[in-house]
PDB file of all heavy atoms in Angstrom:
ATOM      1  N   GLY A   1      48.807 220.334 284.636  1.00  0.00           N
ATOM      2  CA  GLY A   1      47.866 221.324 285.145  1.00  0.00           C
ATOM      3  C   GLY A   1      46.529 220.749 285.553  1.00  0.00           C
ATOM      4  O   GLY A   1      45.538 221.480 285.645  1.00  0.00           O
ATOM      5  N   ASP A   2      46.448 219.454 285.819  1.00  0.00           N
ATOM      6  CA  ASP A   2      45.185 218.845 286.204  1.00  0.00           C
ATOM      7  C   ASP A   2      44.855 219.173 287.659  1.00  0.00           C
ATOM      8  O   ASP A   2      45.699 219.656 288.408  1.00  0.00           O
ATOM      9  CB  ASP A   2      45.247 217.329 286.005  1.00  0.00           C
ATOM     10  CG  ASP A   2      43.935 216.765 285.508  1.00  0.00           C
ATOM     11  OD1 ASP A   2      42.892 217.295 285.907  1.00  0.00           O
ATOM     12  OD2 ASP A   2      43.960 215.794 284.731  1.00  0.00           O
ATOM     13  N   THR A   3      43.613 218.880 288.061  1.00  0.00           N
ATOM     14  CA  THR A   3      43.188 219.190 289.424  1.00  0.00           C
ATOM     15  C   THR A   3      43.541 218.050 290.368  1.00  0.00           C
ATOM     16  O   THR A   3      43.621 216.883 289.970  1.00  0.00           O
ATOM     17  CB  THR A   3      41.672 219.416 289.478  1.00  0.00           C
ATOM     18  OG1 THR A   3      40.999 218.182 289.179  1.00  0.00           O
ATOM     19  CG2 THR A   3      41.242 220.483 288.480  1.00  0.00           C
ATOM     20  N   PHE A   4      43.740 218.392 291.637  1.00  0.00           N
ATOM     21  CA  PHE A   4      44.045 217.366 292.626  1.00  0.00           C
ATOM     22  C   PHE A   4      42.862 216.423 292.826  1.00  0.00           C
ATOM     23  O   PHE A   4      43.034 215.252 293.157  1.00  0.00           O
ATOM     24  CB  PHE A   4      44.447 218.013 293.951  1.00  0.00           C
ATOM     25  CG  PHE A   4      45.831 218.578 293.943  1.00  0.00           C
ATOM     26  CD1 PHE A   4      46.039 219.935 293.796  1.00  0.00           C
ATOM     27  CD2 PHE A   4      46.936 217.748 294.035  1.00  0.00           C
ATOM     28  CE1 PHE A   4      47.320 220.455 293.762  1.00  0.00           C
ATOM     29  CE2 PHE A   4      48.225 218.257 294.004  1.00  0.00           C
ATOM     30  CZ  PHE A   4      48.412 219.618 293.868  1.00  0.00           C
ATOM     31  N   GLN A   5      41.654 216.929 292.615  1.00  0.00           N
ATOM     32  CA  GLN A   5      40.471 216.076 292.729  1.00  0.00           C
ATOM     33  C   GLN A   5      40.538 214.930 291.726  1.00  0.00           C
ATOM     34  O   GLN A   5      40.311 213.761 292.070  1.00  0.00           O
ATOM     35  CB  GLN A   5      39.208 216.906 292.495  1.00  0.00           C
ATOM     36  CG  GLN A   5      37.913 216.137 292.695  1.00  0.00           C
ATOM     37  CD  GLN A   5      36.704 216.992 292.395  1.00  0.00           C
ATOM     38  OE1 GLN A   5      36.621 217.624 291.346  1.00  0.00           O
ATOM     39  NE2 GLN A   5      35.764 217.033 293.332  1.00  0.00           N
ATOM     40  N   ARG A   6      40.899 215.232 290.496  1.00  0.00           N
ATOM     41  CA  ARG A   6      40.992 214.201 289.461  1.00  0.00           C
ATOM     42  C   ARG A   6      42.204 213.303 289.698  1.00  0.00           C
ATOM     43  O   ARG A   6      42.139 212.090 289.492  1.00  0.00           O
ATOM     44  CB  ARG A   6      41.063 214.861 288.075  1.00  0.00           C
ATOM     45  CG  ARG A   6      39.685 215.271 287.558  1.00  0.00           C
ATOM     46  CD  ARG A   6      39.784 216.290 286.433  1.00  0.00           C
ATOM     47  NE  ARG A   6      40.721 215.949 285.397  1.00  0.00           N
ATOM     48  CZ  ARG A   6      40.429 215.271 284.263  1.00  0.00           C
ATOM     49  NH1 ARG A   6      39.194 214.811 284.076  1.00  0.00           N
ATOM     50  NH2 ARG A   6      41.337 215.056 283.345  1.00  0.00           N
ATOM     51  N   ILE A   7      43.310 213.892 290.112  1.00  0.00           N
ATOM     52  CA  ILE A   7      44.505 213.096 290.395  1.00  0.00           C
ATOM     53  C   ILE A   7      44.201 212.045 291.459  1.00  0.00           C
ATOM     54  O   ILE A   7      44.535 210.874 291.323  1.00  0.00           O
ATOM     55  CB  ILE A   7      45.661 214.011 290.854  1.00  0.00           C
ATOM     56  CG1 ILE A   7      46.140 214.886 289.697  1.00  0.00           C
ATOM     57  CG2 ILE A   7      46.817 213.184 291.416  1.00  0.00           C
ATOM     58  CD1 ILE A   7      47.116 215.961 290.102  1.00  0.00           C
ATOM     59  N   ASN A   8      43.550 212.481 292.526  1.00  0.00           N
ATOM     60  CA  ASN A   8      43.255 211.572 293.631  1.00  0.00           C
ATOM     61  C   ASN A   8      42.238 210.500 293.246  1.00  0.00           C
ATOM     62  O   ASN A   8      42.157 209.451 293.895  1.00  0.00           O
ATOM     63  CB  ASN A   8      42.739 212.360 294.834  1.00  0.00           C
ATOM     64  CG  ASN A   8      43.815 213.231 295.452  1.00  0.00           C
ATOM     65  OD1 ASN A   8      44.992 212.914 295.376  1.00  0.00           O
ATOM     66  ND2 ASN A   8      43.416 214.339 296.065  1.00  0.00           N
ATOM     67  N   ALA A   9      41.449 210.772 292.195  1.00  0.00           N
ATOM     68  CA  ALA A   9      40.394 209.830 291.801  1.00  0.00           C
ATOM     69  C   ALA A   9      40.867 208.797 290.783  1.00  0.00           C
ATOM     70  O   ALA A   9      40.115 207.873 290.452  1.00  0.00           O
ATOM     71  CB  ALA A   9      39.199 210.598 291.232  1.00  0.00           C
ATOM     72  N   VAL A  10      42.099 208.930 290.295  1.00  0.00           N
ATOM     73  CA  VAL A  10      42.571 208.015 289.252  1.00  0.00           C
ATOM     74  C   VAL A  10      42.564 206.565 289.735  1.00  0.00           C
ATOM     75  O   VAL A  10      42.272 205.649 288.968  1.00  0.00           O
ATOM     76  CB  VAL A  10      43.989 208.426 288.775  1.00  0.00           C
ATOM     77  CG1 VAL A  10      44.624 207.330 287.931  1.00  0.00           C
ATOM     78  CG2 VAL A  10      43.905 209.706 287.966  1.00  0.00           C
ATOM     79  N   ALA A  11      42.860 206.346 291.008  1.00  0.00           N
ATOM     80  CA  ALA A  11      42.903 204.971 291.535  1.00  0.00           C
ATOM     81  C   ALA A  11      41.559 204.276 291.400  1.00  0.00           C
ATOM     82  O   ALA A  11      41.494 203.049 291.306  1.00  0.00           O
ATOM     83  CB  ALA A  11      43.346 204.983 292.995  1.00  0.00           C
ATOM     84  N   ALA A  12      40.474 205.050 291.397  1.00  0.00           N
ATOM     85  CA  ALA A  12      39.131 204.478 291.263  1.00  0.00           C
ATOM     86  C   ALA A  12      38.388 205.167 290.115  1.00  0.00           C
ATOM     87  O   ALA A  12      37.222 205.531 290.226  1.00  0.00           O
ATOM     88  CB  ALA A  12      38.353 204.628 292.568  1.00  0.00           C
ATOM     89  N   TRP A  13      39.066 205.312 288.994  1.00  0.00           N
ATOM     90  CA  TRP A  13      38.517 206.082 287.874  1.00  0.00           C
ATOM     91  C   TRP A  13      37.193 205.526 287.373  1.00  0.00           C
ATOM     92  O   TRP A  13      36.332 206.274 286.895  1.00  0.00           O
ATOM     93  CB  TRP A  13      39.530 206.118 286.724  1.00  0.00           C
ATOM     94  CG  TRP A  13      39.810 204.776 286.099  1.00  0.00           C
ATOM     95  CD1 TRP A  13      40.807 203.916 286.418  1.00  0.00           C
ATOM     96  CD2 TRP A  13      39.069 204.154 285.045  1.00  0.00           C
ATOM     97  NE1 TRP A  13      40.743 202.774 285.639  1.00  0.00           N
ATOM     98  CE2 TRP A  13      39.685 202.905 284.784  1.00  0.00           C
ATOM     99  CE3 TRP A  13      37.949 204.520 284.292  1.00  0.00           C
ATOM    100  CZ2 TRP A  13      39.210 202.036 283.798  1.00  0.00           C
ATOM    101  CZ3 TRP A  13      37.475 203.648 283.320  1.00  0.00           C
ATOM    102  CH2 TRP A  13      38.109 202.428 283.090  1.00  0.00           C
ATOM    103  N   TYR A  14      37.003 204.191 287.458  1.00  0.00           N
ATOM    104  CA  TYR A  14      35.798 203.571 286.907  1.00  0.00           C
ATOM    105  C   TYR A  14      34.544 203.963 287.687  1.00  0.00           C
ATOM    106  O   TYR A  14      33.430 203.875 287.177  1.00  0.00           O
ATOM    107  CB  TYR A  14      35.950 202.050 286.890  1.00  0.00           C
ATOM    108  CG  TYR A  14      36.749 201.509 288.056  1.00  0.00           C
ATOM    109  CD1 TYR A  14      36.177 201.293 289.302  1.00  0.00           C
ATOM    110  CD2 TYR A  14      38.108 201.256 287.911  1.00  0.00           C
ATOM    111  CE1 TYR A  14      36.930 200.835 290.365  1.00  0.00           C
ATOM    112  CE2 TYR A  14      38.862 200.791 288.975  1.00  0.00           C
ATOM    113  CZ  TYR A  14      38.273 200.588 290.211  1.00  0.00           C
ATOM    114  OH  TYR A  14      39.025 200.140 291.279  1.00  0.00           O
ATOM    115  N   ASP A  15      34.691 204.405 288.941  1.00  0.00           N
ATOM    116  CA  ASP A  15      33.549 204.843 289.738  1.00  0.00           C
ATOM    117  C   ASP A  15      33.460 206.361 289.870  1.00  0.00           C
ATOM    118  O   ASP A  15      32.424 206.891 290.295  1.00  0.00           O
ATOM    119  CB  ASP A  15      33.630 204.260 291.162  1.00  0.00           C
ATOM    120  CG  ASP A  15      33.409 202.756 291.178  1.00  0.00           C
ATOM    121  OD1 ASP A  15      32.604 202.282 290.355  1.00  0.00           O
ATOM    122  OD2 ASP A  15      34.049 202.072 292.005  1.00  0.00           O
ATOM    123  N   ALA A  16      34.542 207.066 289.564  1.00  0.00           N
ATOM    124  CA  ALA A  16      34.585 208.514 289.784  1.00  0.00           C
ATOM    125  C   ALA A  16      33.881 209.265 288.654  1.00  0.00           C
ATOM    126  O   ALA A  16      33.960 208.860 287.486  1.00  0.00           O
ATOM    127  CB  ALA A  16      36.035 208.978 289.899  1.00  0.00           C
ATOM    128  N   PRO A  17      33.215 210.372 288.971  1.00  0.00           N
ATOM    129  CA  PRO A  17      32.454 211.106 287.958  1.00  0.00           C
ATOM    130  C   PRO A  17      33.242 212.211 287.260  1.00  0.00           C
ATOM    131  O   PRO A  17      32.659 213.029 286.552  1.00  0.00           O
ATOM    132  CB  PRO A  17      31.328 211.729 288.789  1.00  0.00           C
ATOM    133  CG  PRO A  17      31.973 212.006 290.113  1.00  0.00           C
ATOM    134  CD  PRO A  17      32.958 210.884 290.333  1.00  0.00           C
ATOM    135  N   PHE A  18      34.577 212.243 287.438  1.00  0.00           N
ATOM    136  CA  PHE A  18      35.359 213.409 287.013  1.00  0.00           C
ATOM    137  C   PHE A  18      35.999 213.277 285.635  1.00  0.00           C
ATOM    138  O   PHE A  18      36.706 214.180 285.197  1.00  0.00           O
ATOM    139  CB  PHE A  18      36.466 213.691 288.043  1.00  0.00           C
ATOM    140  CG  PHE A  18      35.984 213.737 289.455  1.00  0.00           C
ATOM    141  CD1 PHE A  18      36.482 212.848 290.395  1.00  0.00           C
ATOM    142  CD2 PHE A  18      35.016 214.653 289.850  1.00  0.00           C
ATOM    143  CE1 PHE A  18      36.031 212.882 291.702  1.00  0.00           C
ATOM    144  CE2 PHE A  18      34.564 214.694 291.151  1.00  0.00           C
ATOM    145  CZ  PHE A  18      35.067 213.802 292.088  1.00  0.00           C
ATOM    146  N   PHE A  19      35.783 212.141 284.946  1.00  0.00           N
ATOM    147  CA  PHE A  19      36.506 211.902 283.709  1.00  0.00           C
ATOM    148  C   PHE A  19      35.564 211.812 282.516  1.00  0.00           C
ATOM    149  O   PHE A  19      34.437 211.326 282.629  1.00  0.00           O
ATOM    150  CB  PHE A  19      37.322 210.607 283.819  1.00  0.00           C
ATOM    151  CG  PHE A  19      38.228 210.582 285.014  1.00  0.00           C
ATOM    152  CD1 PHE A  19      37.928 209.797 286.115  1.00  0.00           C
ATOM    153  CD2 PHE A  19      39.366 211.377 285.049  1.00  0.00           C
ATOM    154  CE1 PHE A  19      38.758 209.781 287.227  1.00  0.00           C
ATOM    155  CE2 PHE A  19      40.203 211.375 286.158  1.00  0.00           C
ATOM    156  CZ  PHE A  19      39.898 210.578 287.251  1.00  0.00           C
ATOM    157  N   THR A  20      36.041 212.278 281.358  1.00  0.00           N
ATOM    158  CA  THR A  20      35.247 212.213 280.132  1.00  0.00           C
ATOM    159  C   THR A  20      35.246 210.784 279.596  1.00  0.00           C
ATOM    160  O   THR A  20      36.041 209.932 280.019  1.00  0.00           O
ATOM    161  CB  THR A  20      35.842 213.143 279.063  1.00  0.00           C
ATOM    162  OG1 THR A  20      37.135 212.646 278.665  1.00  0.00           O
ATOM    163  CG2 THR A  20      36.002 214.569 279.599  1.00  0.00           C
ATOM    164  N   ASP A  21      34.362 210.528 278.641  1.00  0.00           N
ATOM    165  CA  ASP A  21      34.311 209.197 278.030  1.00  0.00           C
ATOM    166  C   ASP A  21      35.639 208.858 277.346  1.00  0.00           C
ATOM    167  O   ASP A  21      36.090 207.707 277.396  1.00  0.00           O
ATOM    168  CB  ASP A  21      33.165 209.131 277.009  1.00  0.00           C
ATOM    169  CG  ASP A  21      31.796 209.114 277.674  1.00  0.00           C
ATOM    170  OD1 ASP A  21      31.731 208.879 278.894  1.00  0.00           O
ATOM    171  OD2 ASP A  21      30.800 209.353 276.967  1.00  0.00           O
ATOM    172  N   ALA A  22      36.254 209.849 276.714  1.00  0.00           N
ATOM    173  CA  ALA A  22      37.534 209.602 276.047  1.00  0.00           C
ATOM    174  C   ALA A  22      38.624 209.262 277.071  1.00  0.00           C
ATOM    175  O   ALA A  22      39.440 208.357 276.846  1.00  0.00           O
ATOM    176  CB  ALA A  22      37.941 210.829 275.229  1.00  0.00           C
ATOM    177  N   GLU A  23      38.634 209.966 278.186  1.00  0.00           N
ATOM    178  CA  GLU A  23      39.618 209.672 279.235  1.00  0.00           C
ATOM    179  C   GLU A  23      39.387 208.286 279.826  1.00  0.00           C
ATOM    180  O   GLU A  23      40.348 207.549 280.111  1.00  0.00           O
ATOM    181  CB  GLU A  23      39.559 210.738 280.320  1.00  0.00           C
ATOM    182  CG  GLU A  23      40.106 212.090 279.869  1.00  0.00           C
ATOM    183  CD  GLU A  23      39.814 213.207 280.856  1.00  0.00           C
ATOM    184  OE1 GLU A  23      38.868 213.052 281.688  1.00  0.00           O
ATOM    185  OE2 GLU A  23      40.500 214.241 280.808  1.00  0.00           O
ATOM    186  N   ARG A  24      38.135 207.917 279.987  1.00  0.00           N
ATOM    187  CA  ARG A  24      37.822 206.579 280.510  1.00  0.00           C
ATOM    188  C   ARG A  24      38.298 205.495 279.540  1.00  0.00           C
ATOM    189  O   ARG A  24      38.807 204.453 279.959  1.00  0.00           O
ATOM    190  CB  ARG A  24      36.320 206.445 280.750  1.00  0.00           C
ATOM    191  CG  ARG A  24      35.811 207.279 281.907  1.00  0.00           C
ATOM    192  CD  ARG A  24      34.299 207.134 282.078  1.00  0.00           C
ATOM    193  NE  ARG A  24      33.846 207.921 283.205  1.00  0.00           N
ATOM    194  CZ  ARG A  24      33.960 207.555 284.490  1.00  0.00           C
ATOM    195  NH1 ARG A  24      34.488 206.368 284.775  1.00  0.00           N
ATOM    196  NH2 ARG A  24      33.555 208.337 285.453  1.00  0.00           N
ATOM    197  N   ALA A  25      38.155 205.765 278.260  1.00  0.00           N
ATOM    198  CA  ALA A  25      38.623 204.794 277.263  1.00  0.00           C
ATOM    199  C   ALA A  25      40.141 204.635 277.352  1.00  0.00           C
ATOM    200  O   ALA A  25      40.668 203.517 277.262  1.00  0.00           O
ATOM    201  CB  ALA A  25      38.213 205.250 275.862  1.00  0.00           C
ATOM    202  N   ALA A  26      40.855 205.745 277.541  1.00  0.00           N
ATOM    203  CA  ALA A  26      42.323 205.688 277.656  1.00  0.00           C
ATOM    204  C   ALA A  26      42.738 204.979 278.938  1.00  0.00           C
ATOM    205  O   ALA A  26      43.696 204.191 278.943  1.00  0.00           O
ATOM    206  CB  ALA A  26      42.899 207.097 277.619  1.00  0.00           C
ATOM    207  N   LEU A  27      42.027 205.225 280.021  1.00  0.00           N
ATOM    208  CA  LEU A  27      42.354 204.579 281.297  1.00  0.00           C
ATOM    209  C   LEU A  27      42.041 203.079 281.249  1.00  0.00           C
ATOM    210  O   LEU A  27      42.790 202.260 281.792  1.00  0.00           O
ATOM    211  CB  LEU A  27      41.584 205.252 282.435  1.00  0.00           C
ATOM    212  CG  LEU A  27      42.075 206.659 282.801  1.00  0.00           C
ATOM    213  CD1 LEU A  27      41.060 207.376 283.696  1.00  0.00           C
ATOM    214  CD2 LEU A  27      43.434 206.595 283.487  1.00  0.00           C
TER     215      LEU A  27
END
């Protein structure tokens, strides 16, 4: 149920502003 905005940003997660600190740690 995630958003397409976040899905599309996964390839550049380290620069994208859409993820929490916990999600960044997992990525």
